[in-house]
């Protein structure tokens, strides 16, 4: 299970990295520390479990079975070495033994156990102990009288050495095996767990991932929201979250689209909404509220697909090559009728305004909402 937790943690961390890269600011910030923590904690426990593998005491059922099958016997300590690992300040030792079971031929084995400092004299080479064994050659010390079989142990190094595979020792069986048997299935399970964990983290930001996949073909990591296709998708997402398609102002930049929309059509109370990397967020009430509903217009009233080409055309005419920082604003122009009660108020035709330039010059442009009438203002 520890390995499964490690792979789940790795999947969460990888999903977090993906979301941090392609998602909106702050997205997936929790996933990386959580995933890394799971990997480190589970990994540490897995390393401890690995270093203590073979140290588990036999269960009562295993003891009964071993005795019934004649797998209890006597072991002579041939070598005692410390592994360098300590548990509760007590050394974990590797012990080489020669075993003579009650039934069957003698064999050599290696086992691990915690040998406390006061127990070290009892486990010096040449000492003999009562043990039980598995058919694969795993050994567990059970204490008690060694019995008369102690005199029949062969010389050190003469009996064959049995090395049980992982999972062939004593103790409760792990939920997931650790031996060769079923290894392919476990690898598939671990990989699937990592993928599911990563997808779970990424799924809420699937729109941002889809945008990134599309943008990669253009050599970008994120979609350019000023481009017709990306802008249309952003406006659809904004309209869906806002609940209607009425706005008083729209700001379009490379990385985001901001819409100033009334809480309900026909009202002047206006909220600020932002679309960035697949996510729509309500920013709260707009800092500047419209004075009349006449400042509002429908998103469908604007030829959005024609606006960015206008910006690019103006940039070419000005000899400007870099438009990466250029944005444009769509809202109503001022009423120019001096006899109108709304004179100079922003209730005129819907227009798009933008500027292009560099460190030495700047030129402002304006056009109608249908993409016509492009004119230079300064």
Protein backbone atom coordinates (compact mmCIF):
# COMPACT_ATOMS: atom_id res chain seq x y z
CA UNK A 1 0.00 0.00 0.00
CA UNK A 2 2.89 2.35 0.67
CA UNK A 3 4.00 2.03 -2.94
CA UNK A 4 0.46 2.75 -4.10
CA UNK A 5 0.37 5.88 -1.92
CA UNK A 6 3.73 6.94 -3.39
CA UNK A 7 2.41 6.67 -6.94
CA UNK A 8 -0.79 8.51 -6.02
CA UNK A 9 1.34 11.27 -4.50
CA UNK A 10 3.52 11.39 -7.61
CA UNK A 11 0.41 11.68 -9.78
CA UNK A 12 -0.97 14.52 -7.65
CA UNK A 13 2.37 16.35 -7.83
CA UNK A 14 2.66 15.92 -11.61
CA UNK A 15 -0.94 17.07 -12.06
CA UNK A 16 -0.15 20.09 -9.90
CA UNK A 17 2.86 20.97 -12.03
CA UNK A 18 0.73 20.77 -15.19
CA UNK A 19 -1.99 22.96 -13.68
CA UNK A 20 0.50 25.53 -12.38
CA UNK A 21 1.99 25.80 -15.87
CA UNK A 22 -1.17 25.88 -17.99
CA UNK A 23 -3.85 26.99 -15.52
CA UNK A 24 -4.80 30.39 -14.14
CA UNK A 25 -2.65 32.02 -11.44
CA UNK A 26 -2.85 30.13 -8.16
CA UNK A 27 -4.38 27.02 -9.71
CA UNK A 28 -3.08 23.74 -8.34
CA UNK A 29 -0.94 25.43 -5.70
CA UNK A 30 -2.05 22.84 -3.14
CA UNK A 31 -1.30 19.81 -5.30
CA UNK A 32 2.49 20.03 -5.45
CA UNK A 33 3.15 20.19 -1.67
CA UNK A 34 0.49 17.55 -0.98
CA UNK A 35 1.86 15.21 -3.65
CA UNK A 36 5.48 15.68 -2.62
CA UNK A 37 4.57 15.13 1.04
CA UNK A 38 2.80 11.87 0.21
CA UNK A 39 5.78 10.68 -1.83
CA UNK A 40 8.30 11.57 0.89
CA UNK A 41 6.32 10.14 3.81
CA UNK A 42 5.27 6.96 2.02
CA UNK A 43 8.76 6.60 0.57
CA UNK A 44 10.35 6.91 4.00
CA UNK A 45 8.06 4.25 5.44
CA UNK A 46 8.68 2.06 2.40
CA UNK A 47 12.43 2.31 2.93
CA UNK A 48 12.00 1.38 6.58
CA UNK A 49 9.81 -1.56 5.57
CA UNK A 50 12.41 -2.63 3.01
CA UNK A 51 15.23 -2.47 5.55
CA UNK A 52 13.21 -4.54 8.04
CA UNK A 53 11.95 -7.05 5.48
CA UNK A 54 12.16 -10.55 6.92
CA UNK A 55 11.92 -9.34 10.52
CA UNK A 56 8.20 -9.99 10.93
CA UNK A 57 7.32 -12.58 13.55
CA UNK A 58 5.23 -15.54 12.41
CA UNK A 59 1.52 -15.42 13.06
CA UNK A 60 -0.09 -18.04 15.28
CA UNK A 61 -1.50 -19.79 12.22
CA UNK A 62 1.93 -19.84 10.58
CA UNK A 63 3.48 -21.32 13.74
CA UNK A 64 0.89 -24.08 13.88
CA UNK A 65 1.38 -24.90 10.20
CA UNK A 66 5.18 -24.88 10.46
CA UNK A 67 5.15 -27.26 13.42
CA UNK A 68 2.63 -29.54 11.77
CA UNK A 69 4.83 -29.75 8.68
CA UNK A 70 8.03 -30.35 10.62
CA UNK A 71 9.53 -26.95 9.84
CA UNK A 72 10.64 -26.20 13.37
CA UNK A 73 14.24 -26.86 14.26
CA UNK A 74 17.55 -25.51 15.47
CA UNK A 75 19.68 -22.71 14.01
CA UNK A 76 23.31 -22.00 14.76
CA UNK A 77 24.52 -18.41 14.42
CA UNK A 78 27.35 -18.32 11.87
CA UNK A 79 27.70 -14.54 11.58
CA UNK A 80 26.16 -11.41 13.11
CA UNK A 81 26.59 -8.03 11.41
CA UNK A 82 24.89 -4.69 11.92
CA UNK A 83 23.13 -3.23 8.87
CA UNK A 84 23.60 0.38 9.96
CA UNK A 85 19.86 0.84 10.46
CA UNK A 86 18.54 1.53 13.94
CA UNK A 87 14.96 1.38 15.17
CA UNK A 88 14.32 3.07 18.51
CA UNK A 89 18.10 3.32 18.92
CA UNK A 90 18.48 -0.46 18.64
CA UNK A 91 20.54 -1.96 15.81
CA UNK A 92 19.01 -3.99 13.00
CA UNK A 93 21.33 -6.94 12.42
CA UNK A 94 21.75 -9.40 9.58
CA UNK A 95 22.23 -12.90 10.90
CA UNK A 96 23.64 -15.83 8.94
CA UNK A 97 22.55 -19.20 10.31
CA UNK A 98 22.80 -22.90 9.61
CA UNK A 99 19.41 -24.53 10.19
CA UNK A 100 18.50 -28.14 10.84
CA UNK A 101 14.70 -28.49 10.63
CA UNK A 102 12.94 -31.38 12.31
CA UNK A 103 12.01 -32.73 8.89
CA UNK A 104 14.30 -32.33 5.89
CA UNK A 105 17.91 -31.46 5.14
CA UNK A 106 19.95 -28.74 6.77
CA UNK A 107 20.42 -25.42 4.96
CA UNK A 108 21.94 -22.01 5.43
CA UNK A 109 19.84 -18.83 5.59
CA UNK A 110 20.05 -15.12 6.22
CA UNK A 111 17.57 -13.23 8.32
CA UNK A 112 17.22 -9.85 9.97
CA UNK A 113 16.04 -8.88 13.41
CA UNK A 114 16.50 -6.18 15.99
CA UNK A 115 19.18 -7.37 18.38
CA UNK A 116 19.19 -5.15 21.43
CA UNK A 117 22.48 -4.34 23.06
CA UNK A 118 21.79 -6.71 25.94
CA UNK A 119 20.88 -9.51 23.50
CA UNK A 120 24.09 -9.33 21.47
CA UNK A 121 25.91 -11.94 23.64
CA UNK A 122 23.03 -14.40 23.05
CA UNK A 123 23.44 -14.08 19.27
CA UNK A 124 27.19 -14.47 18.99
CA UNK A 125 28.48 -16.95 16.37
CA UNK A 126 28.19 -20.51 17.63
CA UNK A 127 25.10 -19.96 19.76
CA UNK A 128 22.03 -22.06 18.97
CA UNK A 129 18.36 -21.10 18.90
CA UNK A 130 14.97 -22.63 18.29
CA UNK A 131 13.49 -21.50 14.97
CA UNK A 132 10.70 -22.15 12.51
CA UNK A 133 11.15 -21.93 8.76
CA UNK A 134 9.13 -21.50 5.60
CA UNK A 135 9.42 -23.87 2.63
CA UNK A 136 11.39 -21.14 0.83
CA UNK A 137 13.99 -20.87 3.59
CA UNK A 138 12.85 -17.89 5.66
CA UNK A 139 13.78 -18.22 9.33
CA UNK A 140 12.16 -16.84 12.49
CA UNK A 141 13.52 -17.18 16.03
CA UNK A 142 10.92 -18.47 18.47
CA UNK A 143 13.04 -19.01 21.60
CA UNK A 144 12.71 -21.98 23.90
CA UNK A 145 14.76 -25.14 24.28
CA UNK A 146 16.81 -26.04 21.22
CA UNK A 147 16.28 -29.73 21.82
CA UNK A 148 18.45 -32.69 21.02
CA UNK A 149 18.74 -31.85 17.32
CA UNK A 150 21.38 -29.29 18.24
CA UNK A 151 24.13 -31.93 17.98
CA UNK A 152 23.39 -32.72 14.33
CA UNK A 153 24.11 -29.31 12.76
CA UNK A 154 26.60 -29.43 9.85
CA UNK A 155 29.76 -27.34 9.73
CA UNK A 156 29.42 -23.65 8.81
CA UNK A 157 29.34 -23.00 5.08
CA UNK A 158 28.69 -26.61 4.05
CA UNK A 159 24.89 -26.60 3.76
CA UNK A 160 23.18 -25.06 0.72
CA UNK A 161 22.13 -21.40 1.00
CA UNK A 162 18.41 -20.69 0.57
CA UNK A 163 17.37 -17.11 -0.23
CA UNK A 164 13.59 -16.67 -0.10
CA UNK A 165 12.06 -14.21 -2.51
CA UNK A 166 10.21 -11.13 -1.33
CA UNK A 167 6.86 -12.09 0.14
CA UNK A 168 7.93 -15.64 1.08
CA UNK A 169 8.67 -14.86 4.72
CA UNK A 170 6.63 -14.82 7.90
CA UNK A 171 4.13 -12.28 9.12
CA UNK A 172 0.86 -10.96 7.69
CA UNK A 173 0.73 -10.86 3.93
CA UNK A 174 0.70 -7.35 2.39
CA UNK A 175 -2.42 -6.23 0.56
CA UNK A 176 -0.31 -5.92 -2.58
CA UNK A 177 2.35 -8.54 -3.12
CA UNK A 178 6.05 -7.76 -3.31
CA UNK A 179 7.41 -10.83 -5.09
CA UNK A 180 7.84 -11.66 -8.75
CA UNK A 181 4.39 -13.12 -8.95
CA UNK A 182 1.91 -10.48 -10.08
CA UNK A 183 4.61 -7.85 -10.65
CA UNK A 184 3.26 -6.84 -14.08
CA UNK A 185 -0.25 -6.37 -12.68
CA UNK A 186 1.11 -4.26 -9.81
CA UNK A 187 3.05 -2.04 -12.21
CA UNK A 188 -0.14 -1.49 -14.22
CA UNK A 189 -2.04 -0.72 -11.00
CA UNK A 190 0.58 1.76 -9.78
CA UNK A 191 0.73 3.50 -13.17
CA UNK A 192 -3.07 3.66 -13.34
CA UNK A 193 -3.23 5.12 -9.82
CA UNK A 194 -0.71 7.82 -10.75
CA UNK A 195 -2.60 8.67 -13.95
CA UNK A 196 -5.97 8.82 -12.16
CA UNK A 197 -4.50 11.08 -9.46
CA UNK A 198 -2.96 13.40 -12.05
CA UNK A 199 -6.18 13.54 -14.10
CA UNK A 200 -8.21 14.28 -10.96
CA UNK A 201 -6.05 17.35 -10.31
CA UNK A 202 -6.02 18.50 -13.93
CA UNK A 203 -9.69 17.80 -14.76
CA UNK A 204 -11.12 21.04 -13.29
CA UNK A 205 -8.74 22.94 -15.59
CA UNK A 206 -9.37 20.90 -18.73
CA UNK A 207 -10.29 24.05 -20.67
CA UNK A 208 -6.85 25.51 -19.97
CA UNK A 209 -5.20 22.24 -20.99
CA UNK A 210 -7.18 22.19 -24.23
CA UNK A 211 -6.11 25.77 -24.95
CA UNK A 212 -2.48 24.89 -24.31
CA UNK A 213 -2.65 21.85 -26.61
CA UNK A 214 -3.99 24.09 -29.37
CA UNK A 215 -1.47 26.85 -28.64
CA UNK A 216 1.49 24.47 -28.80
CA UNK A 217 1.01 24.11 -32.54
CA UNK A 218 1.69 27.86 -32.79
CA UNK A 219 4.77 27.61 -30.59
CA UNK A 220 3.03 29.09 -27.54
CA UNK A 221 2.35 27.68 -24.10
CA UNK A 222 -0.91 29.59 -23.66
CA UNK A 223 -3.59 30.71 -26.07
CA UNK A 224 -3.45 34.27 -27.39
CA UNK A 225 -6.86 35.54 -26.29
CA UNK A 226 -6.80 38.24 -28.97
CA UNK A 227 -6.95 35.68 -31.76
CA UNK A 228 -10.47 35.14 -33.17
CA UNK A 229 -10.88 31.49 -32.12
CA UNK A 230 -9.56 31.93 -28.59
CA UNK A 231 -11.50 35.19 -28.13
CA UNK A 232 -14.76 33.59 -29.22
CA UNK A 233 -14.22 30.76 -26.74
CA UNK A 234 -13.44 33.23 -23.94
CA UNK A 235 -16.56 35.29 -24.65
CA UNK A 236 -18.74 32.19 -24.70
CA UNK A 237 -17.32 31.12 -21.34
CA UNK A 238 -17.88 34.60 -19.91
CA UNK A 239 -21.47 34.74 -21.16
CA UNK A 240 -22.15 31.31 -19.68
CA UNK A 241 -20.86 32.27 -16.24
CA UNK A 242 -22.39 35.76 -16.24
CA UNK A 243 -25.75 34.38 -17.31
CA UNK A 244 -26.36 36.79 -20.20
CA UNK A 245 -24.56 38.48 -23.07
CA UNK A 246 -24.85 42.15 -22.09
CA UNK A 247 -21.74 44.18 -21.23
CA UNK A 248 -20.68 47.80 -20.93
CA UNK A 249 -16.99 47.30 -21.65
CA UNK A 250 -14.64 44.50 -22.75
CA UNK A 251 -10.84 44.56 -22.48
CA UNK A 252 -8.95 41.99 -24.54
CA UNK A 253 -5.26 41.26 -23.88
CA UNK A 254 -2.86 38.49 -24.76
CA UNK A 255 -3.46 36.50 -21.57
CA UNK A 256 -6.95 37.48 -20.46
CA UNK A 257 -10.33 38.96 -21.34
CA UNK A 258 -12.13 41.29 -18.91
CA UNK A 259 -15.86 41.92 -19.21
CA UNK A 260 -17.83 44.55 -17.30
CA UNK A 261 -21.35 43.15 -17.17
CA UNK A 262 -24.53 44.23 -15.38
CA UNK A 263 -25.79 41.96 -12.63
CA UNK A 264 -28.98 41.76 -14.66
CA UNK A 265 -29.65 43.24 -18.11
CA UNK A 266 -31.35 46.61 -17.80
CA UNK A 267 -29.67 47.47 -14.50
CA UNK A 268 -26.63 49.67 -14.00
CA UNK A 269 -25.13 47.64 -11.14
CA UNK A 270 -22.07 46.13 -12.82
CA UNK A 271 -19.59 43.40 -11.93
CA UNK A 272 -16.11 42.75 -13.28
CA UNK A 273 -15.47 39.30 -14.76
CA UNK A 274 -12.15 37.95 -16.01
CA UNK A 275 -11.39 34.99 -18.24
CA UNK A 276 -7.85 33.66 -17.93
CA UNK A 277 -6.47 30.28 -19.01
CA UNK A 278 -9.78 28.49 -19.15
CA UNK A 279 -11.25 29.89 -15.93
CA UNK A 280 -13.88 32.59 -15.43
CA UNK A 281 -13.67 34.54 -12.17
CA UNK A 282 -15.98 37.20 -10.76
CA UNK A 283 -13.79 40.01 -9.44
CA UNK A 284 -16.64 41.83 -7.69
CA UNK A 285 -18.34 45.17 -8.38
CA UNK A 286 -16.69 47.27 -11.07
CA UNK A 287 -14.65 50.18 -9.73
CA UNK A 288 -16.48 52.56 -12.10
CA UNK A 289 -20.20 51.95 -12.42
CA UNK A 290 -22.12 52.98 -15.57
CA UNK A 291 -24.42 55.94 -15.14
CA UNK A 292 -27.08 54.70 -17.55
CA UNK A 293 -28.07 51.42 -19.19
CA UNK A 294 -27.41 53.17 -22.49
CA UNK A 295 -23.73 52.37 -22.01
CA UNK A 296 -24.45 48.66 -22.36
CA UNK A 297 -24.35 46.60 -25.55
CA UNK A 298 -24.64 42.98 -26.58
CA UNK A 299 -21.60 40.79 -27.08
CA UNK A 300 -23.23 39.53 -30.26
CA UNK A 301 -23.28 43.11 -31.64
CA UNK A 302 -19.50 43.10 -32.18
CA UNK A 303 -17.58 41.46 -35.02
CA UNK A 304 -14.92 40.09 -32.69
CA UNK A 305 -13.16 38.04 -35.36
CA UNK A 306 -12.29 41.25 -37.25
CA UNK A 307 -10.76 43.19 -34.37
CA UNK A 308 -7.35 41.58 -33.99
CA UNK A 309 -6.69 41.70 -37.76
CA UNK A 310 -7.37 45.47 -37.48
CA UNK A 311 -4.70 45.76 -34.78
CA UNK A 312 -2.20 43.81 -36.87
CA UNK A 313 -2.98 45.95 -39.92
CA UNK A 314 -2.44 49.16 -37.95
CA UNK A 315 0.83 47.83 -36.53
CA UNK A 316 2.12 47.06 -40.02
CA UNK A 317 1.22 50.52 -41.22
CA UNK A 318 3.17 52.00 -38.31
CA UNK A 319 6.13 49.70 -38.86
CA UNK A 320 5.66 48.09 -35.46
CA UNK A 321 6.74 44.45 -35.28
CA UNK A 322 6.07 43.62 -31.63
CA UNK A 323 2.39 43.60 -30.65
CA UNK A 324 2.75 41.12 -27.79
CA UNK A 325 1.74 43.74 -25.22
CA UNK A 326 -1.02 45.32 -27.31
CA UNK A 327 -4.58 45.11 -26.03
CA UNK A 328 -7.85 46.59 -27.26
CA UNK A 329 -10.97 47.92 -25.57
CA UNK A 330 -14.55 47.66 -26.81
CA UNK A 331 -17.17 50.02 -25.41
CA UNK A 332 -19.55 52.73 -26.52
CA UNK A 333 -18.16 56.02 -27.75
CA UNK A 334 -19.31 59.42 -26.53
CA UNK A 335 -22.55 60.92 -27.85
CA UNK A 336 -21.42 63.70 -30.19
CA UNK A 337 -24.86 65.30 -30.65
CA UNK A 338 -24.61 68.64 -28.83
CA UNK A 339 -28.39 68.89 -28.75
CA UNK A 340 -28.82 65.50 -27.11
CA UNK A 341 -29.47 65.24 -23.36
CA UNK A 342 -26.80 62.54 -23.27
CA UNK A 343 -24.17 64.66 -25.04
CA UNK A 344 -20.60 63.54 -24.23
CA UNK A 345 -21.88 60.51 -22.34
CA UNK A 346 -20.63 57.05 -23.44
CA UNK A 347 -23.88 56.05 -25.12
CA UNK A 348 -22.79 56.38 -28.75
CA UNK A 349 -21.96 53.63 -31.25
CA UNK A 350 -19.94 50.65 -30.05
CA UNK A 351 -16.26 51.15 -30.93
CA UNK A 352 -12.90 49.46 -30.51
CA UNK A 353 -9.89 51.47 -29.33
CA UNK A 354 -6.25 50.43 -29.23
CA UNK A 355 -2.76 51.78 -29.63
CA UNK A 356 0.40 50.39 -31.24
CA UNK A 357 3.96 51.56 -30.88
CA UNK A 358 7.34 51.02 -29.27
CA UNK A 359 9.64 52.82 -26.82
CA UNK A 360 9.82 55.91 -29.06
CA UNK A 361 6.33 56.36 -30.50
CA UNK A 362 2.72 55.48 -29.96
CA UNK A 363 -0.28 55.70 -32.28
CA UNK A 364 -3.92 55.43 -31.22
CA UNK A 365 -6.61 53.90 -33.43
CA UNK A 366 -10.37 53.53 -33.39
CA UNK A 367 -12.80 51.50 -35.46
CA UNK A 368 -16.47 50.58 -35.50
CA UNK A 369 -17.71 47.40 -33.84
CA UNK A 370 -18.15 45.74 -37.23
CA UNK A 371 -14.47 46.24 -38.05
CA UNK A 372 -15.00 49.13 -40.46
CA UNK A 373 -13.89 52.74 -40.33
CA UNK A 374 -10.39 52.28 -38.94
CA UNK A 375 -8.94 55.71 -38.23
CA UNK A 376 -5.77 57.01 -36.67
CA UNK A 377 -6.40 59.30 -33.69
CA UNK A 378 -2.89 60.53 -32.93
